[in-house]
Amino acid sequence: MEGRIDPPSSALRLTPQALAHRARAEHLYLATGDNALLGCAFFAPQGNALYIGKLAVSPGAQRRGVGARLVAAAEALARDLNLRCLRLETRIELTGNHAAFARMGFEKVGEKAHPGFARPTSITMEKPLW
């Protein structure tokens, strides 16, 4: 995403300590294979939804279904927690992500602007579960 989105991703500011703290407070799922980390995501209940945050797939594992498997894991967790939908945010510029999430059943439900921006910088998408 570097150089493609404005403002830069908050992921660039994450420290090992911040990730460890977040992993204790939320559900951290890891996708592994071939003795490597292929992808990861944080899941956290947010009202009637399970929020998917910081979903990432390593470049070499993209287009191999890793992201879809992480979303399927989020769906299973949300159902176990009796939550009504999945929710995520993706940057305006990442239209490929918009299309990928739409193929997984997500719909755009809103737009947001980061502090200091007059234009929308991200969209919110949800996938109803029931």
Protein backbone atom coordinates (compact mmCIF):
# COMPACT_ATOMS: atom_id res chain seq x y z
CA MET A 1 0.00 0.00 0.00
CA GLU A 2 2.98 2.28 0.45
CA GLY A 3 2.75 5.09 -2.07
CA ARG A 4 -0.77 4.07 -3.09
CA ILE A 5 -2.84 5.44 -0.21
CA ASP A 6 -3.05 8.78 1.53
CA PRO A 7 -2.73 9.07 4.49
CA PRO A 8 -0.19 6.25 4.92
CA SER A 9 -1.37 3.08 6.62
CA SER A 10 -1.36 2.96 10.41
CA ALA A 11 0.19 -0.51 10.02
CA LEU A 12 3.50 1.26 9.36
CA ARG A 13 3.43 2.55 12.95
CA LEU A 14 2.75 -0.80 14.62
CA THR A 15 5.45 -2.01 16.95
CA PRO A 16 5.94 -5.58 18.21
CA GLN A 17 4.66 -4.38 21.60
CA ALA A 18 1.54 -2.83 20.07
CA LEU A 19 0.85 -6.02 18.10
CA ALA A 20 1.27 -8.15 21.24
CA HIS A 21 -1.14 -5.91 23.14
CA ARG A 22 -3.67 -6.06 20.32
CA ALA A 23 -3.34 -9.85 20.12
CA ARG A 24 -4.25 -10.07 23.82
CA ALA A 25 -7.27 -7.77 23.41
CA GLU A 26 -8.61 -9.18 20.10
CA HIS A 27 -8.66 -12.43 18.17
CA LEU A 28 -5.50 -12.80 16.06
CA TYR A 29 -5.67 -15.37 13.29
CA LEU A 30 -2.61 -16.46 11.33
CA ALA A 31 -2.52 -18.28 8.00
CA THR A 32 0.59 -20.39 7.59
CA GLY A 33 1.96 -22.81 5.05
CA ASP A 34 5.26 -23.91 3.56
CA ASN A 35 6.91 -23.00 6.90
CA ALA A 36 5.96 -19.35 6.36
CA LEU A 37 3.43 -16.78 7.52
CA LEU A 38 1.06 -16.28 4.58
CA GLY A 39 -1.46 -13.90 6.11
CA CYS A 40 -3.03 -12.54 9.26
CA ALA A 41 -6.02 -10.63 10.57
CA PHE A 42 -7.39 -9.26 13.81
CA PHE A 43 -11.06 -9.83 14.65
CA ALA A 44 -12.93 -7.86 17.32
CA PRO A 45 -16.60 -7.65 18.28
CA GLN A 46 -17.93 -4.18 17.47
CA GLY A 47 -21.60 -3.79 18.37
CA ASN A 48 -23.55 -6.40 16.39
CA ALA A 49 -20.62 -7.02 14.03
CA LEU A 50 -17.26 -8.72 14.02
CA TYR A 51 -14.73 -6.16 12.82
CA ILE A 52 -11.93 -7.44 10.59
CA GLY A 53 -8.83 -5.32 11.01
CA LYS A 54 -5.33 -5.36 9.58
CA LEU A 55 -6.08 -8.24 7.21
CA ALA A 56 -2.90 -8.80 5.26
CA VAL A 57 -1.65 -11.46 2.85
CA SER A 58 2.01 -11.72 1.91
CA PRO A 59 2.67 -10.79 -1.73
CA GLY A 60 3.74 -14.33 -2.66
CA ALA A 61 0.53 -15.79 -1.23
CA GLN A 62 -1.91 -13.36 -2.84
CA ARG A 63 -4.53 -14.75 -5.22
CA ARG A 64 -4.27 -18.18 -3.55
CA GLY A 65 -7.37 -17.93 -1.34
CA VAL A 66 -5.57 -16.96 1.87
CA GLY A 67 -7.65 -13.81 2.36
CA ALA A 68 -10.86 -15.71 1.65
CA ARG A 69 -9.91 -18.34 4.26
CA LEU A 70 -9.27 -15.61 6.83
CA VAL A 71 -12.67 -14.08 6.05
CA ALA A 72 -14.27 -17.55 6.38
CA ALA A 73 -12.62 -17.89 9.80
CA ALA A 74 -14.05 -14.49 10.77
CA GLU A 75 -17.48 -15.61 9.65
CA ALA A 76 -17.27 -18.77 11.76
CA LEU A 77 -16.16 -16.77 14.80
CA ALA A 78 -18.93 -14.20 14.29
CA ARG A 79 -21.54 -16.95 14.12
CA ASP A 80 -20.11 -18.52 17.31
CA LEU A 81 -20.41 -15.09 18.99
CA ASN A 82 -23.96 -14.67 17.60
CA LEU A 83 -23.04 -11.51 15.69
CA ARG A 84 -25.13 -10.35 12.74
CA CYS A 85 -22.44 -9.35 10.25
CA LEU A 86 -18.79 -8.89 9.40
CA ARG A 87 -17.46 -5.34 9.05
CA LEU A 88 -14.23 -3.95 7.63
CA GLU A 89 -12.74 -0.78 6.28
CA THR A 90 -10.64 -0.48 3.16
CA ARG A 91 -9.02 2.55 1.59
CA ILE A 92 -10.70 4.42 -1.23
CA GLU A 93 -7.69 3.90 -3.52
CA LEU A 94 -7.61 0.10 -3.13
CA THR A 95 -10.32 -0.69 -5.66
CA GLY A 96 -9.01 -4.22 -6.14
CA ASN A 97 -9.73 -4.85 -2.46
CA HIS A 98 -13.25 -3.43 -2.87
CA ALA A 99 -13.90 -5.91 -5.68
CA ALA A 100 -12.36 -8.85 -3.79
CA PHE A 101 -14.48 -8.18 -0.71
CA ALA A 102 -17.59 -7.71 -2.87
CA ARG A 103 -16.95 -11.18 -4.37
CA MET A 104 -16.94 -12.51 -0.78
CA GLY A 105 -20.37 -10.99 -0.10
CA PHE A 106 -19.45 -7.60 1.38
CA GLU A 107 -21.38 -4.45 0.48
CA LYS A 108 -20.37 -0.83 0.88
CA VAL A 109 -22.29 0.76 3.75
CA GLY A 110 -20.43 4.03 4.30
CA GLU A 111 -17.44 6.28 3.80
CA LYS A 112 -15.08 7.95 6.27
CA ALA A 113 -12.42 10.63 6.15
CA HIS A 114 -9.27 10.46 8.23
CA PRO A 115 -8.64 13.48 10.47
CA GLY A 116 -7.45 16.43 8.40
CA PHE A 117 -8.96 15.19 5.14
CA ALA A 118 -11.99 16.80 3.50
CA ARG A 119 -12.50 13.87 1.13
CA PRO A 120 -13.40 10.26 2.00
CA THR A 121 -10.28 8.16 2.56
CA SER A 122 -11.87 4.80 3.37
CA ILE A 123 -15.06 2.87 2.86
CA THR A 124 -16.85 0.64 5.32
CA MET A 125 -18.12 -2.68 4.03
CA GLU A 126 -20.34 -5.27 5.72
CA LYS A 127 -21.33 -8.84 5.05
CA PRO A 128 -24.66 -9.87 6.60
CA LEU A 129 -24.61 -13.32 8.21
CA TRP A 130 -28.32 -13.76 8.91
